Protein backbone atom coordinates (compact mmCIF):
# COMPACT_ATOMS: atom_id res chain seq x y z
CA MET A 1 -19.41 -1.14 61.81
CA ASP A 2 -16.97 -3.24 59.79
CA ASP A 3 -16.12 -1.56 56.55
CA ASN A 4 -16.91 -4.74 54.77
CA MET A 5 -20.57 -4.72 56.10
CA LYS A 6 -21.31 -1.13 54.99
CA PRO A 7 -24.03 -0.72 52.42
CA MET A 8 -22.49 -0.52 48.90
CA PRO A 9 -22.87 3.04 47.39
CA ALA A 10 -24.63 3.34 43.99
CA VAL A 11 -21.53 3.75 41.90
CA GLU A 12 -19.98 0.68 43.50
CA GLN A 13 -23.15 -1.36 42.80
CA GLU A 14 -22.98 -0.17 39.10
CA TYR A 15 -19.20 -1.14 38.98
CA ALA A 16 -19.98 -4.40 40.48
CA ARG A 17 -22.67 -5.22 38.04
CA ALA A 18 -20.31 -4.29 35.10
CA THR A 19 -17.48 -6.43 36.34
CA GLY A 20 -19.49 -9.31 37.63
CA MET A 21 -18.75 -8.55 41.41
CA ALA A 22 -22.29 -8.53 42.42
CA PRO A 23 -23.16 -7.42 45.94
CA ALA A 24 -24.47 -9.75 48.58
CA PRO A 25 -28.32 -10.16 48.82
CA ASN A 26 -28.51 -7.68 51.81
CA GLY A 27 -26.71 -4.98 49.76
CA THR A 28 -23.38 -5.35 51.62
CA ALA A 29 -20.14 -4.94 49.64
CA PRO A 30 -17.80 -7.86 48.96
CA ALA A 31 -14.60 -7.96 50.98
CA ALA A 32 -12.45 -7.65 47.82
CA ARG A 33 -14.44 -4.70 46.30
CA ALA A 34 -12.48 -2.20 44.19
CA SER A 35 -10.93 0.85 45.67
CA GLN A 36 -12.61 4.23 45.87
CA ARG A 37 -9.79 5.44 43.65
CA ASP A 38 -10.50 2.97 41.01
CA LEU A 39 -14.36 3.50 41.21
CA TYR A 40 -14.12 7.24 40.72
CA ASN A 41 -11.35 7.10 38.05
CA PRO A 42 -13.13 7.90 34.65
CA MET A 43 -11.18 5.04 33.05
CA ALA A 44 -12.54 2.40 35.53
CA PHE A 45 -15.45 1.31 33.32
CA ILE A 46 -13.42 1.05 30.16
CA HIS A 47 -12.55 -2.60 29.82
CA PRO A 48 -13.91 -4.98 32.54
CA ASP A 49 -12.53 -8.44 32.44
CA ASN A 50 -15.86 -9.95 31.18
CA GLU A 51 -16.23 -7.50 28.20
CA ARG A 52 -17.04 -9.36 24.95
CA ARG A 53 -14.52 -9.23 22.16
CA LEU A 54 -15.74 -7.50 18.96
CA PRO A 55 -14.48 -7.41 15.47
CA ALA A 56 -12.22 -4.70 14.03
CA PHE A 57 -13.42 -1.28 12.78
CA GLY A 58 -11.26 1.12 10.96
CA GLY A 59 -13.23 4.17 12.17
CA GLU A 60 -11.86 3.53 15.72
CA PHE A 61 -8.30 2.46 14.56
CA GLN A 62 -9.10 -0.84 16.22
CA PRO A 63 -7.84 -3.96 14.50
CA GLY A 64 -9.94 -6.33 16.45
CA LEU A 65 -9.06 -6.35 20.08
CA TYR A 66 -11.81 -5.24 22.50
CA LYS A 67 -15.07 -3.43 22.04
CA SER A 68 -15.23 0.24 22.23
CA VAL A 69 -16.26 2.01 25.39
CA GLU A 70 -20.04 2.27 25.53
CA ALA A 71 -20.33 4.92 28.22
CA ARG A 72 -17.05 6.71 27.96
CA LYS A 73 -16.00 10.20 29.00
CA PHE A 74 -13.73 10.53 26.00
CA ALA A 75 -14.68 10.99 22.36
CA ASN A 76 -13.27 8.85 19.72
CA PRO A 77 -9.78 10.10 18.82
CA ALA A 78 -9.19 7.97 15.86
CA PRO A 79 -10.97 10.19 13.23
CA LEU A 80 -8.80 13.12 14.27
CA GLY A 81 -5.56 11.08 13.94
CA LEU A 82 -6.61 9.60 10.64
CA SER A 83 -7.64 13.09 9.31
CA ALA A 84 -4.32 14.59 10.30
CA PHE A 85 -2.50 11.64 8.62
CA ALA A 86 -4.47 12.02 5.53
CA LEU A 87 -4.28 15.62 4.79
CA THR A 88 -0.50 15.70 5.26
CA THR A 89 0.00 12.51 3.32
CA PHE A 90 -2.25 13.92 0.55
CA VAL A 91 -0.09 17.19 0.09
CA LEU A 92 3.24 15.38 0.18
CA SER A 93 1.94 12.72 -2.19
CA ALA A 94 0.77 15.54 -4.66
CA VAL A 95 4.32 16.84 -4.53
CA ASN A 96 5.78 13.46 -5.21
CA LEU A 97 3.50 13.01 -8.12
CA GLY A 98 4.59 16.44 -9.46
CA VAL A 99 1.02 17.69 -9.82
CA ARG A 100 0.87 20.98 -11.50
CA GLY A 101 4.72 20.98 -11.78
CA VAL A 102 5.31 21.20 -7.95
CA ASN A 103 8.13 19.13 -7.02
CA VAL A 104 9.61 20.89 -3.92
CA PRO A 105 8.17 19.38 -0.68
CA ASN A 106 8.62 22.38 1.67
CA ILE A 107 4.88 23.13 1.60
CA ALA A 108 4.41 20.00 3.70
CA VAL A 109 6.64 21.35 6.57
CA PRO A 110 3.92 23.25 8.43
CA LEU A 111 1.48 20.38 8.06
CA ALA A 112 4.09 17.78 9.17
CA LEU A 113 5.02 19.82 12.17
CA GLY A 114 1.54 20.97 13.12
CA TYR A 115 -1.35 18.90 11.91
CA GLY A 116 0.24 15.66 10.77
CA GLY A 117 2.79 15.75 13.66
CA LEU A 118 1.59 17.40 16.83
CA VAL A 119 -2.22 16.80 16.37
CA GLN A 120 -1.71 13.08 15.31
CA LEU A 121 0.56 12.58 18.29
CA LEU A 122 -1.99 13.90 20.73
CA ALA A 123 -4.62 11.72 19.14
CA GLY A 124 -2.32 8.80 19.75
CA MET A 125 -1.95 9.75 23.38
CA TRP A 126 -5.76 9.89 23.66
CA GLU A 127 -6.01 6.45 22.04
CA MET A 128 -3.77 5.23 24.88
CA ALA A 129 -6.08 6.89 27.45
CA VAL A 130 -9.14 4.98 25.99
CA GLY A 131 -7.14 1.73 26.03
CA ASN A 132 -6.55 1.23 22.31
CA THR A 133 -2.95 -0.09 22.14
CA PHE A 134 -2.94 -0.54 18.24
CA GLY A 135 -4.33 3.09 17.83
CA ALA A 136 -1.91 4.57 20.40
CA THR A 137 1.10 2.87 18.79
CA ALA A 138 0.16 3.65 15.08
CA LEU A 139 -1.01 7.23 15.50
CA SER A 140 1.70 8.30 17.90
CA SER A 141 4.43 6.70 15.67
CA TYR A 142 3.22 8.36 12.57
CA GLY A 143 2.84 11.63 14.37
CA GLY A 144 6.50 11.25 15.32
CA PHE A 145 7.26 10.37 11.68
CA TRP A 146 5.77 13.60 10.41
CA ILE A 147 7.59 15.74 12.97
CA ALA A 148 10.77 14.08 11.99
CA TYR A 149 10.13 14.49 8.31
CA GLY A 150 9.27 18.10 8.81
CA VAL A 151 12.68 18.64 10.61
CA LEU A 152 14.35 16.96 7.66
CA LEU A 153 12.77 19.42 5.17
CA THR A 154 13.21 22.59 7.43
CA PRO A 155 16.04 24.69 5.87
CA ASN A 156 17.46 25.96 9.18
CA TRP A 157 18.36 22.47 10.24
CA ASN A 158 20.02 21.84 6.85
CA ILE A 159 20.24 17.95 7.42
CA LEU A 160 20.04 16.99 3.75
CA GLY A 161 20.80 20.30 1.99
CA GLU A 162 23.96 21.74 0.45
CA GLY A 163 26.48 22.59 3.14
CA GLY A 164 25.09 19.92 5.41
CA PRO A 165 26.61 17.04 7.02
CA TYR A 166 26.02 14.76 3.97
CA THR A 167 27.65 17.26 1.49
CA ALA A 168 30.62 18.13 3.59
CA GLU A 169 34.13 17.52 2.47
CA GLY A 170 34.97 13.75 2.57
CA ALA A 171 31.25 12.70 2.32
CA ALA A 172 30.65 9.94 -0.13
CA PRO A 173 28.55 10.94 -3.22
CA GLY A 174 24.86 10.13 -2.50
CA MET A 175 25.34 9.63 1.23
CA GLY A 176 22.31 11.88 2.05
CA ASP A 177 20.05 9.89 -0.23
CA SER A 178 21.17 6.62 1.22
CA ALA A 179 20.57 7.93 4.65
CA LEU A 180 17.01 9.07 3.65
CA GLY A 181 16.51 5.52 2.25
CA PHE A 182 17.40 4.13 5.54
CA PHE A 183 14.99 6.39 7.26
CA LEU A 184 12.24 5.32 4.83
CA THR A 185 12.99 1.69 5.01
CA GLY A 186 12.57 1.75 8.73
CA TRP A 187 9.21 3.12 8.31
CA PHE A 188 8.34 0.50 5.77
CA ILE A 189 9.23 -2.25 8.27
CA PHE A 190 7.25 -0.69 11.00
CA THR A 191 4.19 -0.26 8.70
CA THR A 192 4.59 -3.90 7.72
CA ILE A 193 4.37 -5.03 11.31
CA LEU A 194 1.10 -2.94 11.71
CA LEU A 195 -0.23 -4.42 8.37
CA LEU A 196 0.03 -7.81 9.76
CA CYS A 197 -2.15 -6.81 12.83
CA THR A 198 -4.90 -5.81 10.36
CA LEU A 199 -5.36 -9.13 8.63
CA ARG A 200 -8.43 -10.00 10.73
CA SER A 201 -9.92 -6.55 10.47
CA THR A 202 -11.85 -4.84 7.63
CA VAL A 203 -10.82 -4.52 4.03
CA MET A 204 -10.79 -0.65 4.19
CA PHE A 205 -8.51 -0.67 7.22
CA PHE A 206 -6.16 -3.28 5.80
CA MET A 207 -5.92 -1.44 2.49
CA LEU A 208 -4.94 1.71 4.39
CA PHE A 209 -1.84 0.17 5.74
CA PHE A 210 -1.21 -1.93 2.60
CA THR A 211 -1.02 1.13 0.29
CA LEU A 212 1.02 3.12 2.98
CA ASP A 213 3.46 0.20 3.10
CA LEU A 214 3.94 0.31 -0.69
CA ALA A 215 4.38 4.05 -0.49
CA PHE A 216 7.15 3.77 1.91
CA LEU A 217 8.79 0.92 -0.05
CA MET A 218 8.64 2.88 -3.23
CA LEU A 219 10.08 6.11 -1.66
CA ALA A 220 13.00 4.18 -0.01
CA CYS A 221 13.81 2.53 -3.30
CA GLY A 222 13.77 5.84 -5.10
CA ALA A 223 16.06 7.41 -2.50
CA PHE A 224 18.49 4.43 -2.95
CA ALA A 225 18.23 4.65 -6.81
CA GLU A 226 19.06 8.37 -6.55
CA ALA A 227 21.97 7.68 -4.32
CA ASP A 228 23.31 5.38 -7.03
CA GLY A 229 22.80 7.95 -9.77
CA HIS A 230 19.83 6.25 -11.43
CA MET A 231 17.78 9.43 -11.74
CA GLU A 232 15.13 8.22 -14.10
CA ALA A 233 14.35 5.12 -12.07
CA SER A 234 14.39 7.36 -8.92
CA HIS A 235 11.76 9.76 -10.58
CA LYS A 236 9.50 6.84 -11.38
CA LEU A 237 9.75 5.26 -7.99
CA HIS A 238 9.03 8.67 -6.29
CA GLN A 239 5.94 9.00 -8.55
CA ALA A 240 4.85 5.41 -7.57
CA GLY A 241 5.33 6.34 -3.98
CA GLY A 242 3.27 9.40 -4.45
CA GLY A 243 0.48 7.37 -6.12
CA PHE A 244 0.37 4.82 -3.31
CA GLY A 245 0.50 7.58 -0.79
CA MET A 246 -2.36 9.47 -2.42
CA VAL A 247 -4.64 6.25 -2.23
CA ALA A 248 -3.53 5.87 1.41
CA ALA A 249 -4.58 9.37 2.16
CA PHE A 250 -8.09 8.86 0.70
CA LEU A 251 -8.37 5.56 2.54
CA ALA A 252 -7.44 7.33 5.81
CA TRP A 253 -10.27 9.86 5.18
CA TYR A 254 -12.62 6.97 4.34
CA ASN A 255 -11.92 5.34 7.73
CA ALA A 256 -12.13 8.64 9.41
CA PHE A 257 -15.65 9.23 7.95
CA ALA A 258 -16.55 5.68 9.05
CA GLY A 259 -15.65 6.81 12.65
CA ILE A 260 -17.42 10.06 12.57
CA ALA A 261 -20.66 9.40 10.70
CA ASP A 262 -23.60 7.86 12.51
CA SER A 263 -27.49 8.10 12.55
CA SER A 264 -27.34 11.44 14.37
CA ASN A 265 -25.18 13.34 11.88
CA SER A 266 -25.34 11.64 8.58
CA PHE A 267 -28.03 10.48 6.16
CA PHE A 268 -25.96 7.44 5.21
CA LEU A 269 -23.18 5.22 6.53
CA ILE A 270 -20.30 3.85 4.58
CA PRO A 271 -19.35 0.20 4.28
CA VAL A 272 -16.06 -1.14 5.85
CA PHE A 273 -16.31 -4.50 4.29
CA HIS A 274 -15.31 -7.21 6.96
CA PHE A 275 -13.02 -9.93 5.89
CA PRO A 276 -14.81 -13.30 5.49
CA TRP A 277 -12.45 -14.79 8.04
CA SER A 278 -13.02 -12.06 10.58
CA GLU A 279 -15.30 -12.43 13.63
CA LYS A 280 -17.85 -10.19 12.12
CA GLY A 281 -17.57 -12.15 8.70
CA ARG A 282 -18.23 -15.49 10.59
CA GLU A 283 -21.15 -14.01 12.35
CA ASP A 284 -22.71 -12.64 9.03
CA ARG A 285 -22.25 -16.08 7.38
CA ILE A 286 -23.87 -17.85 10.21
CA ALA A 287 -26.81 -15.36 10.19
CA ALA A 288 -27.30 -15.73 6.50
CA LYS A 289 -27.13 -19.61 6.85
CA THR A 290 -29.70 -19.52 9.68
CA GLU A 291 -32.03 -17.16 7.64
CA ARG A 292 -31.93 -19.58 4.65
CA GLU A 293 -32.70 -22.61 6.73
CA ASN A 294 -35.64 -20.73 8.43
CA ALA A 295 -37.03 -19.56 5.05
């Protein structure tokens, strides 16, 4: 019997219904049906071509591309990545603010290398597996940021410390602070790019990147001010960066909770506040208008 005339297995029929490749009336498979490899790949049902676009949701680190997988084999990795980012940012921001007189950031090294670095990087890789390009890019990149920052603060590497390359004979005064400013400026630029991708998402998701962007900007300016010898201005800018970083940490936790909490584990859900110009915002306005007209 011709392979194209064999009855379609149940799993293929399910895939055909999901993708619009319906079988013939007699149950035979279409000639151009998907390969067995694709059908039994656990990612085969993630984003069929006819899947409806949905609005953004910070709990899944999704700025408004495609709807999340309804019957996936993967858990949502975004809350893990957001939580790793939030805790590490919280601790470093507390140091930048000088809370309880703590102004040495080395306590952030184990968090930066382990939780904010490695765990967040893994969450970014899992975002890639579930098809979320934005989440994969953001979480993996910030995981890399924390690993790099942890290396900067590790005494054995001595990148910025006394006796290091930026304090060697012949090095210009403030060169290390200027180099740190370049490092932070690059992350400010990258965060601005991500911020622009959240303008049609939710208020809480947008505010996370907005406050983080300001934190990087303040810290970069503080590093440049210290390089130029303006110590008082540098101190104030570092405190401002710590303040914005603290707000960003709590916003990351907020979005993480929005992604974890549902009717099965929480007595309440928190709002994410869709922008009026977002798809969800337009749907809400249309629904409200229809309700008023029918009243």
